[in-house]
Amino acid sequence: MRVFIFSLCIACLISLVGCGKKHIASPHRQSATTSTKAKSAGSYAVWGKRYNTLASSENFVQFGKASWYGKKFHGKKTANGERYDMYGMTAAHKNLPFGTLVRVTNIENNRSVVVRVNDRGPFVEGRIIDLTHSAAQKLGMLGPGVVSVKLEAIGGPNHSTVASAPNKTGGTYYVQVGSFGDKFNAQTLRKKIVQEGRSCRLYQDISSSIWKVHVGPYLTYTAAERAKHALGNEFSGAFIFAGK
């Protein structure tokens, strides 16, 4: 198991920022409803406990506790090899396939976000998903640190009902190819991509003043996936997310 995963586990136990101040018992049992055809795609062990990864995310629904992780891990490698971006819209989950798009709903205020699974965790009892700072902020959970949520897999690898269909969250898909603290650098990259004949936009994360370069939009996950593959040689850290 990667050192990063173990450091994440330890940090979630001792940190007062990012993963909540203490464990809060879940009002729901930690159960997930998945397709009866779902099969294990592999397994891994953390602290002597083995976890199975699913071959498909189709029909996956789960209730439990969500937490978040931030600055300590920003820029470090996630379990799928990407660099963790605390200002992105990604998540860590113990079982879902990498690339799965998950709608996370804060049961306490009914706010929802869509995130992409690119990491493993959280490995704290009772918690089912770890979110980025930005995702947690949108859900209104930065203060509490840990909240009750509902997870619904809505797209991604082997998710046939959504992967080739328009984004049912009411938005579209983008491929993020870079993030910069300097707007000029972001503008330079955007200009280069536009000159190559691709649609591209700049997006500023107001909370961090980070400028992000998004290629798209694409109406389907499949189209975004093709674009990501085409951009892969030049932008190895590119990833897909659902946006507006």
C-alpha atoms as a PDB file:
ATOM      1  CA  MET A   1       0.000   0.000   0.000  1.00  0.00           C
ATOM      2  CA  ARG A   2       1.278   3.433  -0.840  1.00  0.00           C
ATOM      3  CA  VAL A   3       2.805   5.496   1.942  1.00  0.00           C
ATOM      4  CA  PHE A   4       0.345   8.254   1.046  1.00  0.00           C
ATOM      5  CA  ILE A   5      -2.649   6.108   1.987  1.00  0.00           C
ATOM      6  CA  PHE A   6      -1.158   5.295   5.375  1.00  0.00           C
ATOM      7  CA  SER A   7      -0.291   8.929   6.038  1.00  0.00           C
ATOM      8  CA  LEU A   8      -3.862   9.868   5.135  1.00  0.00           C
ATOM      9  CA  CYS A   9      -5.236   7.335   7.591  1.00  0.00           C
ATOM     10  CA  ILE A  10      -3.021   8.640  10.408  1.00  0.00           C
ATOM     11  CA  ALA A  11      -3.768  12.262   9.595  1.00  0.00           C
ATOM     12  CA  CYS A  12      -7.505  11.660   9.704  1.00  0.00           C
ATOM     13  CA  LEU A  13      -7.121  10.270  13.208  1.00  0.00           C
ATOM     14  CA  ILE A  14      -5.053  13.099  14.668  1.00  0.00           C
ATOM     15  CA  SER A  15      -5.832  16.214  12.646  1.00  0.00           C
ATOM     16  CA  LEU A  16      -8.306  18.799  13.871  1.00  0.00           C
ATOM     17  CA  VAL A  17      -8.605  20.274  10.412  1.00  0.00           C
ATOM     18  CA  GLY A  18      -9.908  18.523   7.333  1.00  0.00           C
ATOM     19  CA  CYS A  19     -11.322  15.332   8.753  1.00  0.00           C
ATOM     20  CA  GLY A  20     -13.387  16.678  11.607  1.00  0.00           C
ATOM     21  CA  LYS A  21     -12.571  17.096  15.260  1.00  0.00           C
ATOM     22  CA  LYS A  22     -13.911  13.763  16.356  1.00  0.00           C
ATOM     23  CA  HIS A  23     -15.796  10.765  15.138  1.00  0.00           C
ATOM     24  CA  ILE A  24     -19.539  11.259  15.100  1.00  0.00           C
ATOM     25  CA  ALA A  25     -21.648   8.121  15.147  1.00  0.00           C
ATOM     26  CA  SER A  26     -23.627   7.613  11.936  1.00  0.00           C
ATOM     27  CA  PRO A  27     -27.438   7.503  12.148  1.00  0.00           C
ATOM     28  CA  HIS A  28     -27.372   5.039   9.248  1.00  0.00           C
ATOM     29  CA  ARG A  29     -25.821   1.634   9.041  1.00  0.00           C
ATOM     30  CA  GLN A  30     -22.801   1.560   6.785  1.00  0.00           C
ATOM     31  CA  SER A  31     -24.515  -0.277   3.958  1.00  0.00           C
ATOM     32  CA  ALA A  32     -24.266   0.106   0.201  1.00  0.00           C
ATOM     33  CA  THR A  33     -26.807  -1.052  -2.334  1.00  0.00           C
ATOM     34  CA  THR A  34     -25.112  -2.151  -5.529  1.00  0.00           C
ATOM     35  CA  SER A  35     -26.089  -4.026  -8.648  1.00  0.00           C
ATOM     36  CA  THR A  36     -26.515  -7.748  -8.095  1.00  0.00           C
ATOM     37  CA  LYS A  37     -24.112  -8.181 -11.007  1.00  0.00           C
ATOM     38  CA  ALA A  38     -21.363  -6.205  -9.277  1.00  0.00           C
ATOM     39  CA  LYS A  39     -18.134  -8.125  -8.827  1.00  0.00           C
ATOM     40  CA  SER A  40     -14.916  -7.461  -6.986  1.00  0.00           C
ATOM     41  CA  ALA A  41     -12.167  -6.036  -9.185  1.00  0.00           C
ATOM     42  CA  GLY A  42      -9.428  -6.628  -6.629  1.00  0.00           C
ATOM     43  CA  SER A  43      -8.521  -5.986  -3.021  1.00  0.00           C
ATOM     44  CA  TYR A  44      -5.983  -4.238  -0.818  1.00  0.00           C
ATOM     45  CA  ALA A  45      -5.174  -4.162   2.891  1.00  0.00           C
ATOM     46  CA  VAL A  46      -4.749  -1.262   5.321  1.00  0.00           C
ATOM     47  CA  TRP A  47      -3.849  -1.822   8.979  1.00  0.00           C
ATOM     48  CA  GLY A  48      -4.504  -5.533   8.576  1.00  0.00           C
ATOM     49  CA  LYS A  49      -8.018  -5.057   7.207  1.00  0.00           C
ATOM     50  CA  ARG A  50      -8.808  -6.043   3.617  1.00  0.00           C
ATOM     51  CA  TYR A  51     -11.013  -3.965   1.326  1.00  0.00           C
ATOM     52  CA  ASN A  52     -12.551  -5.046  -1.984  1.00  0.00           C
ATOM     53  CA  THR A  53     -12.742  -2.711  -4.967  1.00  0.00           C
ATOM     54  CA  LEU A  54     -15.829  -2.945  -7.167  1.00  0.00           C
ATOM     55  CA  ALA A  55     -15.670  -3.750 -10.871  1.00  0.00           C
ATOM     56  CA  SER A  56     -18.618  -1.432 -11.544  1.00  0.00           C
ATOM     57  CA  SER A  57     -20.254   1.510  -9.799  1.00  0.00           C
ATOM     58  CA  GLU A  58     -23.652   0.969 -11.398  1.00  0.00           C
ATOM     59  CA  ASN A  59     -26.621   1.216  -8.969  1.00  0.00           C
ATOM     60  CA  PHE A  60     -24.305   2.088  -6.078  1.00  0.00           C
ATOM     61  CA  VAL A  61     -25.985   3.975  -3.205  1.00  0.00           C
ATOM     62  CA  GLN A  62     -24.544   4.444   0.290  1.00  0.00           C
ATOM     63  CA  PHE A  63     -25.307   6.343   3.489  1.00  0.00           C
ATOM     64  CA  GLY A  64     -22.779   7.314   6.126  1.00  0.00           C
ATOM     65  CA  LYS A  65     -20.382  10.033   7.232  1.00  0.00           C
ATOM     66  CA  ALA A  66     -18.273  12.274   5.006  1.00  0.00           C
ATOM     67  CA  SER A  67     -15.065  14.046   6.044  1.00  0.00           C
ATOM     68  CA  TRP A  68     -12.531  16.150   4.131  1.00  0.00           C
ATOM     69  CA  TYR A  69      -8.783  16.559   3.779  1.00  0.00           C
ATOM     70  CA  GLY A  70      -6.830  19.649   2.841  1.00  0.00           C
ATOM     71  CA  LYS A  71      -3.485  21.463   2.818  1.00  0.00           C
ATOM     72  CA  LYS A  72      -1.364  18.715   4.328  1.00  0.00           C
ATOM     73  CA  PHE A  73      -1.959  16.527   1.269  1.00  0.00           C
ATOM     74  CA  HIS A  74      -2.200  19.199  -1.438  1.00  0.00           C
ATOM     75  CA  GLY A  75       0.093  18.263  -4.337  1.00  0.00           C
ATOM     76  CA  LYS A  76       0.848  14.768  -3.048  1.00  0.00           C
ATOM     77  CA  LYS A  77       0.058  11.659  -5.049  1.00  0.00           C
ATOM     78  CA  THR A  78      -3.331  10.025  -4.622  1.00  0.00           C
ATOM     79  CA  ALA A  79      -3.906   6.270  -4.840  1.00  0.00           C
ATOM     80  CA  ASN A  80      -4.469   6.383  -8.623  1.00  0.00           C
ATOM     81  CA  GLY A  81      -1.255   8.345  -9.208  1.00  0.00           C
ATOM     82  CA  GLU A  82      -2.744  11.823  -9.680  1.00  0.00           C
ATOM     83  CA  ARG A  83      -1.689  14.817  -7.614  1.00  0.00           C
ATOM     84  CA  TYR A  84      -4.201  15.719  -4.938  1.00  0.00           C
ATOM     85  CA  ASP A  85      -5.791  19.112  -5.588  1.00  0.00           C
ATOM     86  CA  MET A  86      -7.618  20.398  -2.530  1.00  0.00           C
ATOM     87  CA  TYR A  87      -9.384  22.917  -4.780  1.00  0.00           C
ATOM     88  CA  GLY A  88     -10.618  20.277  -7.220  1.00  0.00           C
ATOM     89  CA  MET A  89     -13.760  18.159  -7.060  1.00  0.00           C
ATOM     90  CA  THR A  90     -12.436  14.719  -6.212  1.00  0.00           C
ATOM     91  CA  ALA A  91     -12.837  12.205  -3.402  1.00  0.00           C
ATOM     92  CA  ALA A  92     -11.411   9.169  -1.649  1.00  0.00           C
ATOM     93  CA  HIS A  93     -13.563   6.047  -1.354  1.00  0.00           C
ATOM     94  CA  LYS A  94     -12.650   2.583  -0.140  1.00  0.00           C
ATOM     95  CA  ASN A  95     -14.462   0.513  -2.774  1.00  0.00           C
ATOM     96  CA  LEU A  96     -15.611   2.466  -5.850  1.00  0.00           C
ATOM     97  CA  PRO A  97     -13.582   2.205  -9.081  1.00  0.00           C
ATOM     98  CA  PHE A  98     -11.303   5.118  -9.877  1.00  0.00           C
ATOM     99  CA  GLY A  99     -13.027   7.578 -12.179  1.00  0.00           C
ATOM    100  CA  THR A 100     -16.497   7.006 -10.737  1.00  0.00           C
ATOM    101  CA  LEU A 101     -18.608  10.166 -10.579  1.00  0.00           C
ATOM    102  CA  VAL A 102     -20.481  10.380  -7.294  1.00  0.00           C
ATOM    103  CA  ARG A 103     -23.262  12.735  -6.261  1.00  0.00           C
ATOM    104  CA  VAL A 104     -22.748  13.545  -2.574  1.00  0.00           C
ATOM    105  CA  THR A 105     -25.728  15.027  -0.724  1.00  0.00           C
ATOM    106  CA  ASN A 106     -25.386  16.592   2.717  1.00  0.00           C
ATOM    107  CA  ILE A 107     -28.445  15.190   4.480  1.00  0.00           C
ATOM    108  CA  GLU A 108     -28.381  18.007   7.016  1.00  0.00           C
ATOM    109  CA  ASN A 109     -28.853  20.855   4.499  1.00  0.00           C
ATOM    110  CA  ASN A 110     -29.713  19.013   1.244  1.00  0.00           C
ATOM    111  CA  ARG A 111     -26.766  20.532  -0.665  1.00  0.00           C
ATOM    112  CA  SER A 112     -25.212  18.309  -3.354  1.00  0.00           C
ATOM    113  CA  VAL A 113     -21.959  18.157  -5.314  1.00  0.00           C
ATOM    114  CA  VAL A 114     -20.543  15.788  -7.921  1.00  0.00           C
ATOM    115  CA  VAL A 115     -17.021  14.473  -7.342  1.00  0.00           C
ATOM    116  CA  ARG A 116     -14.720  11.988  -9.052  1.00  0.00           C
ATOM    117  CA  VAL A 117     -13.066   9.144  -7.116  1.00  0.00           C
ATOM    118  CA  ASN A 118      -9.271   9.220  -7.445  1.00  0.00           C
ATOM    119  CA  ASP A 119      -8.094   8.079  -4.012  1.00  0.00           C
ATOM    120  CA  ARG A 120      -8.637   5.424  -1.328  1.00  0.00           C
ATOM    121  CA  GLY A 121     -10.005   6.062   2.155  1.00  0.00           C
ATOM    122  CA  PRO A 122     -11.152   7.219   4.595  1.00  0.00           C
ATOM    123  CA  PHE A 123     -10.020   4.480   6.954  1.00  0.00           C
ATOM    124  CA  VAL A 124     -11.704   5.881  10.048  1.00  0.00           C
ATOM    125  CA  GLU A 125     -14.612   3.815  11.355  1.00  0.00           C
ATOM    126  CA  GLY A 126     -17.993   5.159  10.289  1.00  0.00           C
ATOM    127  CA  ARG A 127     -16.732   7.368   7.463  1.00  0.00           C
ATOM    128  CA  ILE A 128     -17.465   6.452   3.857  1.00  0.00           C
ATOM    129  CA  ILE A 129     -15.944   9.260   1.784  1.00  0.00           C
ATOM    130  CA  ASP A 130     -13.223  11.915   2.052  1.00  0.00           C
ATOM    131  CA  LEU A 131     -13.790  15.104   0.056  1.00  0.00           C
ATOM    132  CA  THR A 132     -11.594  17.957  -1.122  1.00  0.00           C
ATOM    133  CA  HIS A 133     -11.684  21.355   0.560  1.00  0.00           C
ATOM    134  CA  SER A 134     -13.731  22.815  -2.314  1.00  0.00           C
ATOM    135  CA  ALA A 135     -16.287  19.992  -2.293  1.00  0.00           C
ATOM    136  CA  ALA A 136     -16.642  20.274   1.478  1.00  0.00           C
ATOM    137  CA  GLN A 137     -17.074  24.023   1.206  1.00  0.00           C
ATOM    138  CA  LYS A 138     -19.879  23.647  -1.338  1.00  0.00           C
ATOM    139  CA  LEU A 139     -21.600  21.158   0.977  1.00  0.00           C
ATOM    140  CA  GLY A 140     -21.320  23.524   3.959  1.00  0.00           C
ATOM    141  CA  MET A 141     -19.291  21.065   6.024  1.00  0.00           C
ATOM    142  CA  LEU A 142     -15.958  22.843   6.545  1.00  0.00           C
ATOM    143  CA  GLY A 143     -16.902  23.858  10.087  1.00  0.00           C
ATOM    144  CA  PRO A 144     -18.439  20.585  11.322  1.00  0.00           C
ATOM    145  CA  GLY A 145     -15.765  18.559   9.534  1.00  0.00           C
ATOM    146  CA  VAL A 146     -17.917  15.419   9.489  1.00  0.00           C
ATOM    147  CA  VAL A 147     -21.531  15.261   8.264  1.00  0.00           C
ATOM    148  CA  SER A 148     -24.135  12.676   7.272  1.00  0.00           C
ATOM    149  CA  VAL A 149     -24.342  12.132   3.520  1.00  0.00           C
ATOM    150  CA  LYS A 150     -25.939  10.081   0.800  1.00  0.00           C
ATOM    151  CA  LEU A 151     -23.738   8.822  -2.047  1.00  0.00           C
ATOM    152  CA  GLU A 152     -25.075   7.977  -5.507  1.00  0.00           C
ATOM    153  CA  ALA A 153     -22.812   6.800  -8.326  1.00  0.00           C
ATOM    154  CA  ILE A 154     -24.018   8.614 -11.449  1.00  0.00           C
ATOM    155  CA  GLY A 155     -21.319   7.856 -14.003  1.00  0.00           C
ATOM    156  CA  GLY A 156     -17.836   6.724 -14.737  1.00  0.00           C
ATOM    157  CA  PRO A 157     -16.130   3.420 -15.600  1.00  0.00           C
ATOM    158  CA  ASN A 158     -18.542   0.617 -16.521  1.00  0.00           C
ATOM    159  CA  HIS A 159     -21.541   2.743 -15.575  1.00  0.00           C
ATOM    160  CA  SER A 160     -23.541   2.181 -18.754  1.00  0.00           C
ATOM    161  CA  THR A 161     -26.686   4.080 -17.792  1.00  0.00           C
ATOM    162  CA  VAL A 162     -24.902   7.435 -17.550  1.00  0.00           C
ATOM    163  CA  ALA A 163     -21.480   7.147 -19.140  1.00  0.00           C
ATOM    164  CA  SER A 164     -22.803   7.715 -22.656  1.00  0.00           C
ATOM    165  CA  ALA A 165     -25.703   9.959 -21.685  1.00  0.00           C
ATOM    166  CA  PRO A 166     -25.918  13.702 -20.895  1.00  0.00           C
ATOM    167  CA  ASN A 167     -24.923  14.700 -17.380  1.00  0.00           C
ATOM    168  CA  LYS A 168     -28.068  14.214 -15.299  1.00  0.00           C
ATOM    169  CA  THR A 169     -26.902  16.765 -12.739  1.00  0.00           C
ATOM    170  CA  GLY A 170     -27.915  19.477 -15.197  1.00  0.00           C
ATOM    171  CA  GLY A 171     -24.383  20.440 -16.196  1.00  0.00           C
ATOM    172  CA  THR A 172     -21.640  19.245 -18.516  1.00  0.00           C
ATOM    173  CA  TYR A 173     -18.201  17.636 -18.316  1.00  0.00           C
ATOM    174  CA  TYR A 174     -14.787  19.293 -18.467  1.00  0.00           C
ATOM    175  CA  VAL A 175     -11.193  18.094 -18.480  1.00  0.00           C
ATOM    176  CA  GLN A 176      -8.948  20.041 -16.092  1.00  0.00           C
ATOM    177  CA  VAL A 177      -5.426  20.259 -17.479  1.00  0.00           C
ATOM    178  CA  GLY A 178      -3.806  22.739 -15.123  1.00  0.00           C
ATOM    179  CA  SER A 179      -4.112  25.030 -12.103  1.00  0.00           C
ATOM    180  CA  PHE A 180      -2.017  28.138 -11.453  1.00  0.00           C
ATOM    181  CA  GLY A 181      -1.565  30.808  -8.844  1.00  0.00           C
ATOM    182  CA  ASP A 182      -0.536  33.211 -11.623  1.00  0.00           C
ATOM    183  CA  LYS A 183      -3.341  34.190 -14.008  1.00  0.00           C
ATOM    184  CA  PHE A 184      -0.868  34.935 -16.824  1.00  0.00           C
ATOM    185  CA  ASN A 185       0.372  31.333 -16.816  1.00  0.00           C
ATOM    186  CA  ALA A 186      -3.203  30.062 -16.946  1.00  0.00           C
ATOM    187  CA  GLN A 187      -4.010  32.425 -19.829  1.00  0.00           C
ATOM    188  CA  THR A 188      -0.916  31.271 -21.707  1.00  0.00           C
ATOM    189  CA  LEU A 189      -1.968  27.630 -21.462  1.00  0.00           C
ATOM    190  CA  ARG A 190      -5.543  28.431 -22.451  1.00  0.00           C
ATOM    191  CA  LYS A 191      -4.355  30.343 -25.523  1.00  0.00           C
ATOM    192  CA  LYS A 192      -2.192  27.390 -26.577  1.00  0.00           C
ATOM    193  CA  ILE A 193      -5.085  24.935 -26.259  1.00  0.00           C
ATOM    194  CA  VAL A 194      -7.484  27.214 -28.152  1.00  0.00           C
ATOM    195  CA  GLN A 195      -4.917  27.556 -30.953  1.00  0.00           C
ATOM    196  CA  GLU A 196      -4.955  23.765 -31.197  1.00  0.00           C
ATOM    197  CA  GLY A 197      -8.672  23.966 -31.980  1.00  0.00           C
ATOM    198  CA  ARG A 198     -10.169  22.997 -28.612  1.00  0.00           C
ATOM    199  CA  SER A 199     -12.730  24.857 -26.546  1.00  0.00           C
ATOM    200  CA  CYS A 200     -11.183  26.007 -23.281  1.00  0.00           C
ATOM    201  CA  ARG A 201     -12.058  28.257 -20.350  1.00  0.00           C
ATOM    202  CA  LEU A 202     -10.413  29.782 -17.302  1.00  0.00           C
ATOM    203  CA  TYR A 203     -12.023  29.309 -13.913  1.00  0.00           C
ATOM    204  CA  GLN A 204     -10.975  31.120 -10.757  1.00  0.00           C
ATOM    205  CA  ASP A 205     -11.518  29.464  -7.403  1.00  0.00           C
ATOM    206  CA  ILE A 206     -12.499  32.523  -5.359  1.00  0.00           C
ATOM    207  CA  SER A 207     -11.600  30.924  -2.023  1.00  0.00           C
ATOM    208  CA  SER A 208      -8.012  30.219  -3.084  1.00  0.00           C
ATOM    209  CA  SER A 209      -7.362  32.638  -5.985  1.00  0.00           C
ATOM    210  CA  ILE A 210      -6.220  29.618  -8.005  1.00  0.00           C
ATOM    211  CA  TRP A 211      -6.759  29.829 -11.783  1.00  0.00           C
ATOM    212  CA  LYS A 212      -7.804  26.562 -13.418  1.00  0.00           C
ATOM    213  CA  VAL A 213      -7.724  25.632 -17.099  1.00  0.00           C
ATOM    214  CA  HIS A 214     -10.720  23.582 -18.241  1.00  0.00           C
ATOM    215  CA  VAL A 215     -11.009  21.973 -21.682  1.00  0.00           C
ATOM    216  CA  GLY A 216     -14.598  21.537 -22.803  1.00  0.00           C
ATOM    217  CA  PRO A 217     -17.493  21.493 -22.212  1.00  0.00           C
ATOM    218  CA  TYR A 218     -18.566  17.999 -23.282  1.00  0.00           C
ATOM    219  CA  LEU A 219     -22.158  16.786 -23.110  1.00  0.00           C
ATOM    220  CA  THR A 220     -21.241  13.203 -22.215  1.00  0.00           C
ATOM    221  CA  TYR A 221     -18.673  11.549 -19.999  1.00  0.00           C
ATOM    222  CA  THR A 222     -17.576   9.411 -22.963  1.00  0.00           C
ATOM    223  CA  ALA A 223     -16.721  12.508 -25.016  1.00  0.00           C
ATOM    224  CA  ALA A 224     -14.777  13.992 -22.114  1.00  0.00           C
ATOM    225  CA  GLU A 225     -12.951  10.698 -21.666  1.00  0.00           C
ATOM    226  CA  ARG A 226     -11.879  10.733 -25.321  1.00  0.00           C
ATOM    227  CA  ALA A 227     -10.588  14.290 -24.915  1.00  0.00           C
ATOM    228  CA  LYS A 228      -8.687  13.353 -21.755  1.00  0.00           C
ATOM    229  CA  HIS A 229      -7.073  10.442 -23.586  1.00  0.00           C
ATOM    230  CA  ALA A 230      -6.050  12.724 -26.457  1.00  0.00           C
ATOM    231  CA  LEU A 231      -4.567  15.235 -23.997  1.00  0.00           C
ATOM    232  CA  GLY A 232      -2.911  12.559 -21.876  1.00  0.00           C
ATOM    233  CA  ASN A 233       0.537  12.668 -23.455  1.00  0.00           C
ATOM    234  CA  GLU A 234       0.891  16.376 -22.779  1.00  0.00           C
ATOM    235  CA  PHE A 235      -1.066  16.610 -19.529  1.00  0.00           C
ATOM    236  CA  SER A 236      -0.518  13.448 -17.485  1.00  0.00           C
ATOM    237  CA  GLY A 237      -2.447  14.863 -14.511  1.00  0.00           C
ATOM    238  CA  ALA A 238      -5.582  15.756 -16.515  1.00  0.00           C
ATOM    239  CA  PHE A 239      -8.874  14.638 -15.010  1.00  0.00           C
ATOM    240  CA  ILE A 240     -12.597  14.793 -15.775  1.00  0.00           C
ATOM    241  CA  PHE A 241     -15.175  16.486 -13.595  1.00  0.00           C
ATOM    242  CA  ALA A 242     -18.829  17.429 -13.849  1.00  0.00           C
ATOM    243  CA  GLY A 243     -19.487  21.140 -13.913  1.00  0.00           C
ATOM    244  CA  LYS A 244     -21.673  23.889 -15.357  1.00  0.00           C
END
